[in-house]
Amino acid sequence: MLGSLESEVLISLRALEEAPAREVRKDLERRGIRVAYTTVATILSRLFDKGLVKRRRESCRGGERYVYRPGAVEQKYLVNLLKGVVAMFGPAGVVHLNEEIAKLNPSEERALRRQLGLD
């Protein structure tokens, strides 16, 4: 699960496509979310650790910095959600989930399979 500020950081990063923490903070501020630079940098680092964003190093005036870009958030989220269903509900939960998936129309099922990286 993501916290509300983590979600807001991801929204900003998606809008920017790729950005260092300072630009993400500026975008948050433009959207009315006031937060310290260090908080944004920490959240981006945690999102990287969770596999939800990617990063690369780049040289800058003060030395080096990370530039972040969104990762496969939906796929990672759905996989974790499925693991949660199995952990919470066991085999009965998996059976129920399978029954619900069987009710999807073909285009919805294809979209779900794409999101899960199965197609």
PDB file of N, CA and C in Angstrom:
ATOM      1  N   MET A   1       0.831  -1.184   0.000  1.00  0.00           N
ATOM      2  CA  MET A   1       0.000   0.000   0.000  1.00  0.00           C
ATOM      3  C   MET A   1       0.881   1.256   0.000  1.00  0.00           C
ATOM      4  N   LEU A   2       0.372   2.279  -0.629  1.00  0.00           N
ATOM      5  CA  LEU A   2       1.082   3.542  -0.666  1.00  0.00           C
ATOM      6  C   LEU A   2       0.398   4.554   0.236  1.00  0.00           C
ATOM      7  N   GLY A   3       1.206   5.385   0.872  1.00  0.00           N
ATOM      8  CA  GLY A   3       0.664   6.488   1.637  1.00  0.00           C
ATOM      9  C   GLY A   3       0.203   7.589   0.696  1.00  0.00           C
ATOM     10  N   SER A   4      -0.557   8.533   1.226  1.00  0.00           N
ATOM     11  CA  SER A   4      -1.103   9.590   0.369  1.00  0.00           C
ATOM     12  C   SER A   4       0.006  10.451  -0.243  1.00  0.00           C
ATOM     13  N   LEU A   5       1.049  10.753   0.533  1.00  0.00           N
ATOM     14  CA  LEU A   5       2.139  11.572  -0.013  1.00  0.00           C
ATOM     15  C   LEU A   5       2.939  10.790  -1.055  1.00  0.00           C
ATOM     16  N   GLU A   6       3.120   9.493  -0.833  1.00  0.00           N
ATOM     17  CA  GLU A   6       3.796   8.661  -1.841  1.00  0.00           C
ATOM     18  C   GLU A   6       3.005   8.689  -3.151  1.00  0.00           C
ATOM     19  N   SER A   7       1.689   8.588  -3.045  1.00  0.00           N
ATOM     20  CA  SER A   7       0.840   8.636  -4.238  1.00  0.00           C
ATOM     21  C   SER A   7       0.974   9.980  -4.949  1.00  0.00           C
ATOM     22  N   GLU A   8       0.998  11.060  -4.187  1.00  0.00           N
ATOM     23  CA  GLU A   8       1.136  12.392  -4.784  1.00  0.00           C
ATOM     24  C   GLU A   8       2.483  12.550  -5.479  1.00  0.00           C
ATOM     25  N   VAL A   9       3.536  12.016  -4.881  1.00  0.00           N
ATOM     26  CA  VAL A   9       4.868  12.073  -5.502  1.00  0.00           C
ATOM     27  C   VAL A   9       4.853  11.300  -6.822  1.00  0.00           C
ATOM     28  N   LEU A  10       4.207  10.137  -6.834  1.00  0.00           N
ATOM     29  CA  LEU A  10       4.117   9.357  -8.074  1.00  0.00           C
ATOM     30  C   LEU A  10       3.322  10.100  -9.142  1.00  0.00           C
ATOM     31  N   ILE A  11       2.249  10.778  -8.751  1.00  0.00           N
ATOM     32  CA  ILE A  11       1.462  11.559  -9.708  1.00  0.00           C
ATOM     33  C   ILE A  11       2.334  12.649 -10.333  1.00  0.00           C
ATOM     34  N   SER A  12       3.089  13.351  -9.496  1.00  0.00           N
ATOM     35  CA  SER A  12       3.983  14.391 -10.009  1.00  0.00           C
ATOM     36  C   SER A  12       5.042  13.803 -10.932  1.00  0.00           C
ATOM     37  N   LEU A  13       5.633  12.702 -10.532  1.00  0.00           N
ATOM     38  CA  LEU A  13       6.684  12.091 -11.335  1.00  0.00           C
ATOM     39  C   LEU A  13       6.140  11.628 -12.684  1.00  0.00           C
ATOM     40  N   ARG A  14       4.933  11.096 -12.690  1.00  0.00           N
ATOM     41  CA  ARG A  14       4.329  10.695 -13.963  1.00  0.00           C
ATOM     42  C   ARG A  14       4.120  11.893 -14.872  1.00  0.00           C
ATOM     43  N   ALA A  15       3.658  12.992 -14.295  1.00  0.00           N
ATOM     44  CA  ALA A  15       3.424  14.202 -15.096  1.00  0.00           C
ATOM     45  C   ALA A  15       4.739  14.733 -15.665  1.00  0.00           C
ATOM     46  N   LEU A  16       5.803  14.644 -14.884  1.00  0.00           N
ATOM     47  CA  LEU A  16       7.110  15.150 -15.306  1.00  0.00           C
ATOM     48  C   LEU A  16       7.856  14.156 -16.200  1.00  0.00           C
ATOM     49  N   GLU A  17       7.487  12.887 -16.135  1.00  0.00           N
ATOM     50  CA  GLU A  17       8.106  11.772 -16.852  1.00  0.00           C
ATOM     51  C   GLU A  17       9.471  11.389 -16.306  1.00  0.00           C
ATOM     52  N   GLU A  18      10.317  12.351 -16.021  1.00  0.00           N
ATOM     53  CA  GLU A  18      11.630  12.099 -15.428  1.00  0.00           C
ATOM     54  C   GLU A  18      12.067  13.392 -14.754  1.00  0.00           C
ATOM     55  N   ALA A  19      12.539  13.284 -13.499  1.00  0.00           N
ATOM     56  CA  ALA A  19      12.906  14.509 -12.787  1.00  0.00           C
ATOM     57  C   ALA A  19      13.695  14.187 -11.520  1.00  0.00           C
ATOM     58  N   PRO A  20      14.556  15.127 -11.108  1.00  0.00           N
ATOM     59  CA  PRO A  20      15.204  15.010  -9.802  1.00  0.00           C
ATOM     60  C   PRO A  20      14.207  15.415  -8.699  1.00  0.00           C
ATOM     61  N   ALA A  21      14.559  15.139  -7.471  1.00  0.00           N
ATOM     62  CA  ALA A  21      13.677  15.411  -6.330  1.00  0.00           C
ATOM     63  C   ALA A  21      13.245  16.874  -6.274  1.00  0.00           C
ATOM     64  N   ARG A  22      14.153  17.784  -6.592  1.00  0.00           N
ATOM     65  CA  ARG A  22      13.834  19.221  -6.521  1.00  0.00           C
ATOM     66  C   ARG A  22      12.681  19.587  -7.463  1.00  0.00           C
ATOM     67  N   GLU A  23      12.681  19.033  -8.677  1.00  0.00           N
ATOM     68  CA  GLU A  23      11.601  19.322  -9.622  1.00  0.00           C
ATOM     69  C   GLU A  23      10.295  18.682  -9.191  1.00  0.00           C
ATOM     70  N   VAL A  24      10.379  17.503  -8.606  1.00  0.00           N
ATOM     71  CA  VAL A  24       9.172  16.846  -8.086  1.00  0.00           C
ATOM     72  C   VAL A  24       8.568  17.701  -6.978  1.00  0.00           C
ATOM     73  N   ARG A  25       9.418  18.226  -6.098  1.00  0.00           N
ATOM     74  CA  ARG A  25       8.932  19.095  -5.024  1.00  0.00           C
ATOM     75  C   ARG A  25       8.249  20.334  -5.586  1.00  0.00           C
ATOM     76  N   LYS A  26       8.839  20.929  -6.614  1.00  0.00           N
ATOM     77  CA  LYS A  26       8.238  22.107  -7.241  1.00  0.00           C
ATOM     78  C   LYS A  26       6.878  21.789  -7.848  1.00  0.00           C
ATOM     79  N   ASP A  27       6.752  20.618  -8.470  1.00  0.00           N
ATOM     80  CA  ASP A  27       5.468  20.224  -9.042  1.00  0.00           C
ATOM     81  C   ASP A  27       4.425  20.017  -7.943  1.00  0.00           C
ATOM     82  N   LEU A  28       4.834  19.396  -6.852  1.00  0.00           N
ATOM     83  CA  LEU A  28       3.917  19.223  -5.724  1.00  0.00           C
ATOM     84  C   LEU A  28       3.438  20.584  -5.220  1.00  0.00           C
ATOM     85  N   GLU A  29       4.357  21.515  -5.104  1.00  0.00           N
ATOM     86  CA  GLU A  29       3.999  22.849  -4.617  1.00  0.00           C
ATOM     87  C   GLU A  29       3.031  23.544  -5.577  1.00  0.00           C
ATOM     88  N   ARG A  30       3.255  23.389  -6.878  1.00  0.00           N
ATOM     89  CA  ARG A  30       2.328  23.957  -7.874  1.00  0.00           C
ATOM     90  C   ARG A  30       0.924  23.383  -7.706  1.00  0.00           C
ATOM     91  N   ARG A  31       0.856  22.149  -7.233  1.00  0.00           N
ATOM     92  CA  ARG A  31      -0.441  21.499  -7.031  1.00  0.00           C
ATOM     93  C   ARG A  31      -0.991  21.741  -5.625  1.00  0.00           C
ATOM     94  N   GLY A  32      -0.330  22.624  -4.871  1.00  0.00           N
ATOM     95  CA  GLY A  32      -0.830  23.001  -3.548  1.00  0.00           C
ATOM     96  C   GLY A  32      -0.374  22.105  -2.413  1.00  0.00           C
ATOM     97  N   ILE A  33       0.624  21.281  -2.675  1.00  0.00           N
ATOM     98  CA  ILE A  33       1.141  20.370  -1.645  1.00  0.00           C
ATOM     99  C   ILE A  33       2.508  20.880  -1.214  1.00  0.00           C
ATOM    100  N   ARG A  34       2.569  21.436  -0.009  1.00  0.00           N
ATOM    101  CA  ARG A  34       3.823  21.994   0.507  1.00  0.00           C
ATOM    102  C   ARG A  34       4.534  20.918   1.322  1.00  0.00           C
ATOM    103  N   VAL A  35       5.758  20.626   0.915  1.00  0.00           N
ATOM    104  CA  VAL A  35       6.547  19.597   1.582  1.00  0.00           C
ATOM    105  C   VAL A  35       8.024  19.937   1.406  1.00  0.00           C
ATOM    106  N   ALA A  36       8.817  19.572   2.370  1.00  0.00           N
ATOM    107  CA  ALA A  36      10.254  19.858   2.323  1.00  0.00           C
ATOM    108  C   ALA A  36      10.946  19.014   1.253  1.00  0.00           C
ATOM    109  N   TYR A  37      12.005  19.566   0.695  1.00  0.00           N
ATOM    110  CA  TYR A  37      12.809  18.852  -0.296  1.00  0.00           C
ATOM    111  C   TYR A  37      13.298  17.516   0.265  1.00  0.00           C
ATOM    112  N   THR A  38      13.767  17.521   1.512  1.00  0.00           N
ATOM    113  CA  THR A  38      14.307  16.285   2.101  1.00  0.00           C
ATOM    114  C   THR A  38      13.229  15.205   2.215  1.00  0.00           C
ATOM    115  N   THR A  39      11.993  15.619   2.453  1.00  0.00           N
ATOM    116  CA  THR A  39      10.889  14.656   2.528  1.00  0.00           C
ATOM    117  C   THR A  39      10.652  14.025   1.156  1.00  0.00           C
ATOM    118  N   VAL A  40      10.657  14.846   0.115  1.00  0.00           N
ATOM    119  CA  VAL A  40      10.465  14.327  -1.247  1.00  0.00           C
ATOM    120  C   VAL A  40      11.600  13.380  -1.612  1.00  0.00           C
ATOM    121  N   ALA A  41      12.833  13.756  -1.295  1.00  0.00           N
ATOM    122  CA  ALA A  41      13.991  12.905  -1.599  1.00  0.00           C
ATOM    123  C   ALA A  41      13.878  11.563  -0.872  1.00  0.00           C
ATOM    124  N   THR A  42      13.443  11.591   0.379  1.00  0.00           N
ATOM    125  CA  THR A  42      13.272  10.356   1.153  1.00  0.00           C
ATOM    126  C   THR A  42      12.181   9.488   0.548  1.00  0.00           C
ATOM    127  N   ILE A  43      11.055  10.089   0.175  1.00  0.00           N
ATOM    128  CA  ILE A  43       9.953   9.328  -0.418  1.00  0.00           C
ATOM    129  C   ILE A  43      10.387   8.698  -1.736  1.00  0.00           C
ATOM    130  N   LEU A  44      11.090   9.459  -2.581  1.00  0.00           N
ATOM    131  CA  LEU A  44      11.571   8.909  -3.852  1.00  0.00           C
ATOM    132  C   LEU A  44      12.525   7.736  -3.620  1.00  0.00           C
ATOM    133  N   SER A  45      13.381   7.856  -2.620  1.00  0.00           N
ATOM    134  CA  SER A  45      14.301   6.766  -2.289  1.00  0.00           C
ATOM    135  C   SER A  45      13.536   5.522  -1.834  1.00  0.00           C
ATOM    136  N   ARG A  46      12.514   5.721  -1.025  1.00  0.00           N
ATOM    137  CA  ARG A  46      11.695   4.581  -0.564  1.00  0.00           C
ATOM    138  C   ARG A  46      10.919   3.961  -1.724  1.00  0.00           C
ATOM    139  N   LEU A  47      10.392   4.796  -2.614  1.00  0.00           N
ATOM    140  CA  LEU A  47       9.691   4.270  -3.784  1.00  0.00           C
ATOM    141  C   LEU A  47      10.643   3.479  -4.676  1.00  0.00           C
ATOM    142  N   PHE A  48      11.900   3.921  -4.757  1.00  0.00           N
ATOM    143  CA  PHE A  48      12.916   3.171  -5.500  1.00  0.00           C
ATOM    144  C   PHE A  48      13.150   1.815  -4.835  1.00  0.00           C
ATOM    145  N   ASP A  49      13.278   1.813  -3.501  1.00  0.00           N
ATOM    146  CA  ASP A  49      13.486   0.559  -2.772  1.00  0.00           C
ATOM    147  C   ASP A  49      12.324  -0.416  -2.962  1.00  0.00           C
ATOM    148  N   LYS A  50      11.121   0.119  -3.120  1.00  0.00           N
ATOM    149  CA  LYS A  50       9.924  -0.705  -3.339  1.00  0.00           C
ATOM    150  C   LYS A  50       9.797  -1.154  -4.793  1.00  0.00           C
ATOM    151  N   GLY A  51      10.674  -0.642  -5.660  1.00  0.00           N
ATOM    152  CA  GLY A  51      10.630  -1.008  -7.073  1.00  0.00           C
ATOM    153  C   GLY A  51       9.579  -0.250  -7.871  1.00  0.00           C
ATOM    154  N   LEU A  52       9.073   0.857  -7.329  1.00  0.00           N
ATOM    155  CA  LEU A  52       8.011   1.599  -8.000  1.00  0.00           C
ATOM    156  C   LEU A  52       8.526   2.731  -8.877  1.00  0.00           C
ATOM    157  N   VAL A  53       9.778   3.140  -8.667  1.00  0.00           N
ATOM    158  CA  VAL A  53      10.404   4.134  -9.546  1.00  0.00           C
ATOM    159  C   VAL A  53      11.795   3.642  -9.908  1.00  0.00           C
ATOM    160  N   LYS A  54      12.308   4.163 -11.001  1.00  0.00           N
ATOM    161  CA  LYS A  54      13.684   3.868 -11.423  1.00  0.00           C
ATOM    162  C   LYS A  54      14.477   5.160 -11.272  1.00  0.00           C
ATOM    163  N   ARG A  55      15.788   5.025 -11.194  1.00  0.00           N
ATOM    164  CA  ARG A  55      16.610   6.227 -11.081  1.00  0.00           C
ATOM    165  C   ARG A  55      17.946   6.023 -11.762  1.00  0.00           C
ATOM    166  N   ARG A  56      18.551   7.153 -12.088  1.00  0.00           N
ATOM    167  CA  ARG A  56      19.907   7.149 -12.652  1.00  0.00           C
ATOM    168  C   ARG A  56      20.645   8.331 -12.036  1.00  0.00           C
ATOM    169  N   ARG A  57      21.963   8.236 -11.996  1.00  0.00           N
ATOM    170  CA  ARG A  57      22.783   9.332 -11.484  1.00  0.00           C
ATOM    171  C   ARG A  57      23.119  10.272 -12.631  1.00  0.00           C
ATOM    172  N   GLU A  58      23.186  11.545 -12.297  1.00  0.00           N
ATOM    173  CA  GLU A  58      23.631  12.515 -13.284  1.00  0.00           C
ATOM    174  C   GLU A  58      24.467  13.579 -12.577  1.00  0.00           C
ATOM    175  N   SER A  59      25.414  14.112 -13.299  1.00  0.00           N
ATOM    176  CA  SER A  59      26.240  15.189 -12.758  1.00  0.00           C
ATOM    177  C   SER A  59      25.425  16.468 -12.725  1.00  0.00           C
ATOM    178  N   CYS A  60      25.671  17.258 -11.705  1.00  0.00           N
ATOM    179  CA  CYS A  60      25.014  18.560 -11.600  1.00  0.00           C
ATOM    180  C   CYS A  60      26.010  19.538 -10.978  1.00  0.00           C
ATOM    181  N   ARG A  61      25.604  20.771 -10.837  1.00  0.00           N
ATOM    182  CA  ARG A  61      26.512  21.815 -10.355  1.00  0.00           C
ATOM    183  C   ARG A  61      27.124  21.482  -8.990  1.00  0.00           C
ATOM    184  N   GLY A  62      26.358  20.858  -8.109  1.00  0.00           N
ATOM    185  CA  GLY A  62      26.868  20.548  -6.773  1.00  0.00           C
ATOM    186  C   GLY A  62      27.535  19.197  -6.660  1.00  0.00           C
ATOM    187  N   GLY A  63      27.601  18.433  -7.725  1.00  0.00           N
ATOM    188  CA  GLY A  63      28.197  17.099  -7.683  1.00  0.00           C
ATOM    189  C   GLY A  63      27.372  16.121  -8.492  1.00  0.00           C
ATOM    190  N   GLU A  64      26.618  15.260  -7.806  1.00  0.00           N
ATOM    191  CA  GLU A  64      25.761  14.287  -8.478  1.00  0.00           C
ATOM    192  C   GLU A  64      24.392  14.286  -7.823  1.00  0.00           C
ATOM    193  N   ARG A  65      23.396  13.838  -8.586  1.00  0.00           N
ATOM    194  CA  ARG A  65      22.040  13.702  -8.057  1.00  0.00           C
ATOM    195  C   ARG A  65      21.370  12.552  -8.774  1.00  0.00           C
ATOM    196  N   TYR A  66      20.276  12.081  -8.192  1.00  0.00           N
ATOM    197  CA  TYR A  66      19.467  11.064  -8.844  1.00  0.00           C
ATOM    198  C   TYR A  66      18.375  11.740  -9.649  1.00  0.00           C
ATOM    199  N   VAL A  67      18.102  11.168 -10.811  1.00  0.00           N
ATOM    200  CA  VAL A  67      16.962  11.579 -11.624  1.00  0.00           C
ATOM    201  C   VAL A  67      16.036  10.373 -11.670  1.00  0.00           C
ATOM    202  N   TYR A  68      14.781  10.582 -11.287  1.00  0.00           N
ATOM    203  CA  TYR A  68      13.810   9.501 -11.147  1.00  0.00           C
ATOM    204  C   TYR A  68      12.832   9.467 -12.311  1.00  0.00           C
ATOM    205  N   ARG A  69      12.301   8.287 -12.583  1.00  0.00           N
ATOM    206  CA  ARG A  69      11.225   8.117 -13.555  1.00  0.00           C
ATOM    207  C   ARG A  69      10.302   7.005 -13.038  1.00  0.00           C
ATOM    208  N   PRO A  70       9.039   7.045 -13.432  1.00  0.00           N
ATOM    209  CA  PRO A  70       8.103   6.024 -12.943  1.00  0.00           C
ATOM    210  C   PRO A  70       8.506   4.639 -13.421  1.00  0.00           C
ATOM    211  N   GLY A  71       8.245   3.658 -12.581  1.00  0.00           N
ATOM    212  CA  GLY A  71       8.460   2.271 -12.953  1.00  0.00           C
ATOM    213  C   GLY A  71       7.133   1.630 -13.308  1.00  0.00           C
ATOM    214  N   ALA A  72       7.087   0.325 -13.293  1.00  0.00           N
ATOM    215  CA  ALA A  72       5.863  -0.421 -13.601  1.00  0.00           C
ATOM    216  C   ALA A  72       4.987  -0.487 -12.355  1.00  0.00           C
ATOM    217  N   VAL A  73       4.437   0.657 -11.975  1.00  0.00           N
ATOM    218  CA  VAL A  73       3.689   0.767 -10.723  1.00  0.00           C
ATOM    219  C   VAL A  73       2.480  -0.150 -10.708  1.00  0.00           C
ATOM    220  N   GLU A  74       1.685  -0.125 -11.790  1.00  0.00           N
ATOM    221  CA  GLU A  74       0.462  -0.922 -11.799  1.00  0.00           C
ATOM    222  C   GLU A  74       0.765  -2.407 -11.678  1.00  0.00           C
ATOM    223  N   GLN A  75       1.759  -2.867 -12.436  1.00  0.00           N
ATOM    224  CA  GLN A  75       2.101  -4.290 -12.397  1.00  0.00           C
ATOM    225  C   GLN A  75       2.574  -4.691 -11.005  1.00  0.00           C
ATOM    226  N   LYS A  76       3.447  -3.905 -10.418  1.00  0.00           N
ATOM    227  CA  LYS A  76       3.957  -4.205  -9.081  1.00  0.00           C
ATOM    228  C   LYS A  76       2.816  -4.203  -8.061  1.00  0.00           C
ATOM    229  N   TYR A  77       1.927  -3.220  -8.168  1.00  0.00           N
ATOM    230  CA  TYR A  77       0.794  -3.105  -7.251  1.00  0.00           C
ATOM    231  C   TYR A  77      -0.128  -4.318  -7.373  1.00  0.00           C
ATOM    232  N   LEU A  78      -0.439  -4.721  -8.616  1.00  0.00           N
ATOM    233  CA  LEU A  78      -1.342  -5.851  -8.820  1.00  0.00           C
ATOM    234  C   LEU A  78      -0.731  -7.158  -8.309  1.00  0.00           C
ATOM    235  N   VAL A  79       0.546  -7.352  -8.539  1.00  0.00           N
ATOM    236  CA  VAL A  79       1.209  -8.560  -8.042  1.00  0.00           C
ATOM    237  C   VAL A  79       1.149  -8.604  -6.515  1.00  0.00           C
ATOM    238  N   ASN A  80       1.429  -7.461  -5.866  1.00  0.00           N
ATOM    239  CA  ASN A  80       1.347  -7.414  -4.401  1.00  0.00           C
ATOM    240  C   ASN A  80      -0.071  -7.633  -3.911  1.00  0.00           C
ATOM    241  N   LEU A  81      -1.048  -7.117  -4.644  1.00  0.00           N
ATOM    242  CA  LEU A  81      -2.448  -7.314  -4.291  1.00  0.00           C
ATOM    243  C   LEU A  81      -2.812  -8.793  -4.367  1.00  0.00           C
ATOM    244  N   LEU A  82      -2.364  -9.465  -5.415  1.00  0.00           N
ATOM    245  CA  LEU A  82      -2.639 -10.897  -5.548  1.00  0.00           C
ATOM    246  C   LEU A  82      -1.987 -11.692  -4.421  1.00  0.00           C
ATOM    247  N   LYS A  83      -0.776 -11.315  -4.058  1.00  0.00           N
ATOM    248  CA  LYS A  83      -0.113 -11.991  -2.938  1.00  0.00           C
ATOM    249  C   LYS A  83      -0.896 -11.776  -1.646  1.00  0.00           C
ATOM    250  N   GLY A  84      -1.462 -10.568  -1.495  1.00  0.00           N
ATOM    251  CA  GLY A  84      -2.276 -10.272  -0.315  1.00  0.00           C
ATOM    252  C   GLY A  84      -3.541 -11.113  -0.272  1.00  0.00           C
ATOM    253  N   VAL A  85      -4.172 -11.327  -1.426  1.00  0.00           N
ATOM    254  CA  VAL A  85      -5.375 -12.165  -1.484  1.00  0.00           C
ATOM    255  C   VAL A  85      -5.035 -13.581  -1.035  1.00  0.00           C
ATOM    256  N   VAL A  86      -3.944 -14.099  -1.538  1.00  0.00           N
ATOM    257  CA  VAL A  86      -3.531 -15.456  -1.165  1.00  0.00           C
ATOM    258  C   VAL A  86      -3.221 -15.533   0.329  1.00  0.00           C
ATOM    259  N   ALA A  87      -2.492 -14.548   0.845  1.00  0.00           N
ATOM    260  CA  ALA A  87      -2.123 -14.564   2.268  1.00  0.00           C
ATOM    261  C   ALA A  87      -3.342 -14.425   3.177  1.00  0.00           C
ATOM    262  N   MET A  88      -4.289 -13.564   2.798  1.00  0.00           N
ATOM    263  CA  MET A  88      -5.442 -13.318   3.662  1.00  0.00           C
ATOM    264  C   MET A  88      -6.527 -14.382   3.553  1.00  0.00           C
ATOM    265  N   PHE A  89      -6.793 -14.855   2.338  1.00  0.00           N
ATOM    266  CA  PHE A  89      -7.952 -15.707   2.126  1.00  0.00           C
ATOM    267  C   PHE A  89      -7.625 -17.145   1.728  1.00  0.00           C
ATOM    268  N   GLY A  90      -6.361 -17.412   1.450  1.00  0.00           N
ATOM    269  CA  GLY A  90      -5.959 -18.765   1.099  1.00  0.00           C
ATOM    270  C   GLY A  90      -6.607 -19.248  -0.187  1.00  0.00           C
ATOM    271  N   PRO A  91      -6.758 -20.566  -0.326  1.00  0.00           N
ATOM    272  CA  PRO A  91      -7.304 -21.146  -1.560  1.00  0.00           C
ATOM    273  C   PRO A  91      -8.701 -20.625  -1.917  1.00  0.00           C
ATOM    274  N   ALA A  92      -9.548 -20.396  -0.922  1.00  0.00           N
ATOM    275  CA  ALA A  92     -10.905 -19.914  -1.206  1.00  0.00           C
ATOM    276  C   ALA A  92     -10.854 -18.540  -1.881  1.00  0.00           C
ATOM    277  N   GLY A  93      -9.937 -17.689  -1.448  1.00  0.00           N
ATOM    278  CA  GLY A  93      -9.790 -16.368  -2.056  1.00  0.00           C
ATOM    279  C   GLY A  93      -9.335 -16.463  -3.493  1.00  0.00           C
ATOM    280  N   VAL A  94      -8.434 -17.397  -3.771  1.00  0.00           N
ATOM    281  CA  VAL A  94      -7.938 -17.589  -5.130  1.00  0.00           C
ATOM    282  C   VAL A  94      -9.065 -18.092  -6.030  1.00  0.00           C
ATOM    283  N   VAL A  95      -9.870 -19.022  -5.518  1.00  0.00           N
ATOM    284  CA  VAL A  95     -11.003 -19.543  -6.285  1.00  0.00           C
ATOM    285  C   VAL A  95     -11.983 -18.410  -6.609  1.00  0.00           C
ATOM    286  N   HIS A  96     -12.299 -17.593  -5.591  1.00  0.00           N
ATOM    287  CA  HIS A  96     -13.226 -16.484  -5.803  1.00  0.00           C
ATOM    288  C   HIS A  96     -12.660 -15.489  -6.824  1.00  0.00           C
ATOM    289  N   LEU A  97     -11.394 -15.155  -6.691  1.00  0.00           N
ATOM    290  CA  LEU A  97     -10.763 -14.235  -7.632  1.00  0.00           C
ATOM    291  C   LEU A  97     -10.829 -14.784  -9.050  1.00  0.00           C
ATOM    292  N   ASN A  98     -10.571 -16.075  -9.198  1.00  0.00           N
ATOM    293  CA  ASN A  98     -10.630 -16.721 -10.505  1.00  0.00           C
ATOM    294  C   ASN A  98     -12.044 -16.650 -11.078  1.00  0.00           C
ATOM    295  N   GLU A  99     -13.060 -16.843 -10.223  1.00  0.00           N
ATOM    296  CA  GLU A  99     -14.444 -16.748 -10.674  1.00  0.00           C
ATOM    297  C   GLU A  99     -14.769 -15.332 -11.155  1.00  0.00           C
ATOM    298  N   GLU A 100     -14.261 -14.331 -10.436  1.00  0.00           N
ATOM    299  CA  GLU A 100     -14.500 -12.933 -10.827  1.00  0.00           C
ATOM    300  C   GLU A 100     -13.808 -12.607 -12.143  1.00  0.00           C
ATOM    301  N   ILE A 101     -12.611 -13.115 -12.333  1.00  0.00           N
ATOM    302  CA  ILE A 101     -11.886 -12.886 -13.587  1.00  0.00           C
ATOM    303  C   ILE A 101     -12.638 -13.534 -14.750  1.00  0.00           C
ATOM    304  N   ALA A 102     -13.250 -14.695 -14.504  1.00  0.00           N
ATOM    305  CA  ALA A 102     -14.006 -15.382 -15.552  1.00  0.00           C
ATOM    306  C   ALA A 102     -15.208 -14.559 -16.011  1.00  0.00           C
ATOM    307  N   LYS A 103     -15.690 -13.638 -15.184  1.00  0.00           N
ATOM    308  CA  LYS A 103     -16.843 -12.794 -15.532  1.00  0.00           C
ATOM    309  C   LYS A 103     -16.455 -11.609 -16.424  1.00  0.00           C
ATOM    310  N   LEU A 104     -15.159 -11.339 -16.563  1.00  0.00           N
ATOM    311  CA  LEU A 104     -14.713 -10.208 -17.375  1.00  0.00           C
ATOM    312  C   LEU A 104     -14.996 -10.466 -18.854  1.00  0.00           C
ATOM    313  N   ASN A 105     -15.299  -9.389 -19.578  1.00  0.00           N
ATOM    314  CA  ASN A 105     -15.432  -9.565 -21.028  1.00  0.00           C
ATOM    315  C   ASN A 105     -14.026  -9.670 -21.613  1.00  0.00           C
ATOM    316  N   PRO A 106     -13.890 -10.177 -22.841  1.00  0.00           N
ATOM    317  CA  PRO A 106     -12.553 -10.426 -23.410  1.00  0.00           C
ATOM    318  C   PRO A 106     -11.621  -9.215 -23.414  1.00  0.00           C
ATOM    319  N   SER A 107     -12.146  -8.020 -23.706  1.00  0.00           N
ATOM    320  CA  SER A 107     -11.255  -6.850 -23.741  1.00  0.00           C
ATOM    321  C   SER A 107     -10.770  -6.487 -22.338  1.00  0.00           C
ATOM    322  N   GLU A 108     -11.624  -6.647 -21.308  1.00  0.00           N
ATOM    323  CA  GLU A 108     -11.212  -6.382 -19.930  1.00  0.00           C
ATOM    324  C   GLU A 108     -10.161  -7.402 -19.485  1.00  0.00           C
ATOM    325  N   GLU A 109     -10.352  -8.642 -19.881  1.00  0.00           N
ATOM    326  CA  GLU A 109      -9.383  -9.682 -19.524  1.00  0.00           C
ATOM    327  C   GLU A 109      -8.031  -9.427 -20.194  1.00  0.00           C
ATOM    328  N   ARG A 110      -8.042  -9.024 -21.470  1.00  0.00           N
ATOM    329  CA  ARG A 110      -6.779  -8.711 -22.165  1.00  0.00           C
ATOM    330  C   ARG A 110      -6.069  -7.541 -21.481  1.00  0.00           C
ATOM    331  N   ALA A 111      -6.832  -6.516 -21.090  1.00  0.00           N
ATOM    332  CA  ALA A 111      -6.233  -5.358 -20.415  1.00  0.00           C
ATOM    333  C   ALA A 111      -5.606  -5.773 -19.085  1.00  0.00           C
ATOM    334  N   LEU A 112      -6.294  -6.623 -18.336  1.00  0.00           N
ATOM    335  CA  LEU A 112      -5.763  -7.116 -17.059  1.00  0.00           C
ATOM    336  C   LEU A 112      -4.499  -7.935 -17.283  1.00  0.00           C
ATOM    337  N   ARG A 113      -4.515  -8.807 -18.272  1.00  0.00           N
ATOM    338  CA  ARG A 113      -3.335  -9.624 -18.562  1.00  0.00           C
ATOM    339  C   ARG A 113      -2.146  -8.752 -18.958  1.00  0.00           C
ATOM    340  N   ARG A 114      -2.400  -7.676 -19.741  1.00  0.00           N
ATOM    341  CA  ARG A 114      -1.322  -6.746 -20.107  1.00  0.00           C
ATOM    342  C   ARG A 114      -0.759  -6.065 -18.873  1.00  0.00           C
ATOM    343  N   GLN A 115      -1.642  -5.605 -17.981  1.00  0.00           N
ATOM    344  CA  GLN A 115      -1.193  -4.928 -16.762  1.00  0.00           C
ATOM    345  C   GLN A 115      -0.363  -5.839 -15.881  1.00  0.00           C
ATOM    346  N   LEU A 116      -0.692  -7.108 -15.884  1.00  0.00           N
ATOM    347  CA  LEU A 116       0.055  -8.079 -15.076  1.00  0.00           C
ATOM    348  C   LEU A 116       1.316  -8.558 -15.782  1.00  0.00           C
ATOM    349  N   GLY A 117       1.514  -8.127 -17.018  1.00  0.00           N
ATOM    350  CA  GLY A 117       2.694  -8.546 -17.765  1.00  0.00           C
ATOM    351  C   GLY A 117       2.605  -9.968 -18.272  1.00  0.00           C
ATOM    352  N   LEU A 118       1.384 -10.461 -18.443  1.00  0.00           N
ATOM    353  CA  LEU A 118       1.208 -11.838 -18.882  1.00  0.00           C
ATOM    354  C   LEU A 118       1.052 -11.965 -20.397  1.00  0.00           C
ATOM    355  N   ASP A 119       0.843 -10.853 -21.067  1.00  0.00           N
ATOM    356  CA  ASP A 119       0.722 -10.857 -22.536  1.00  0.00           C
ATOM    357  C   ASP A 119       1.797 -10.006 -23.167  1.00  0.00           C
TER     358      ASP A 119
END
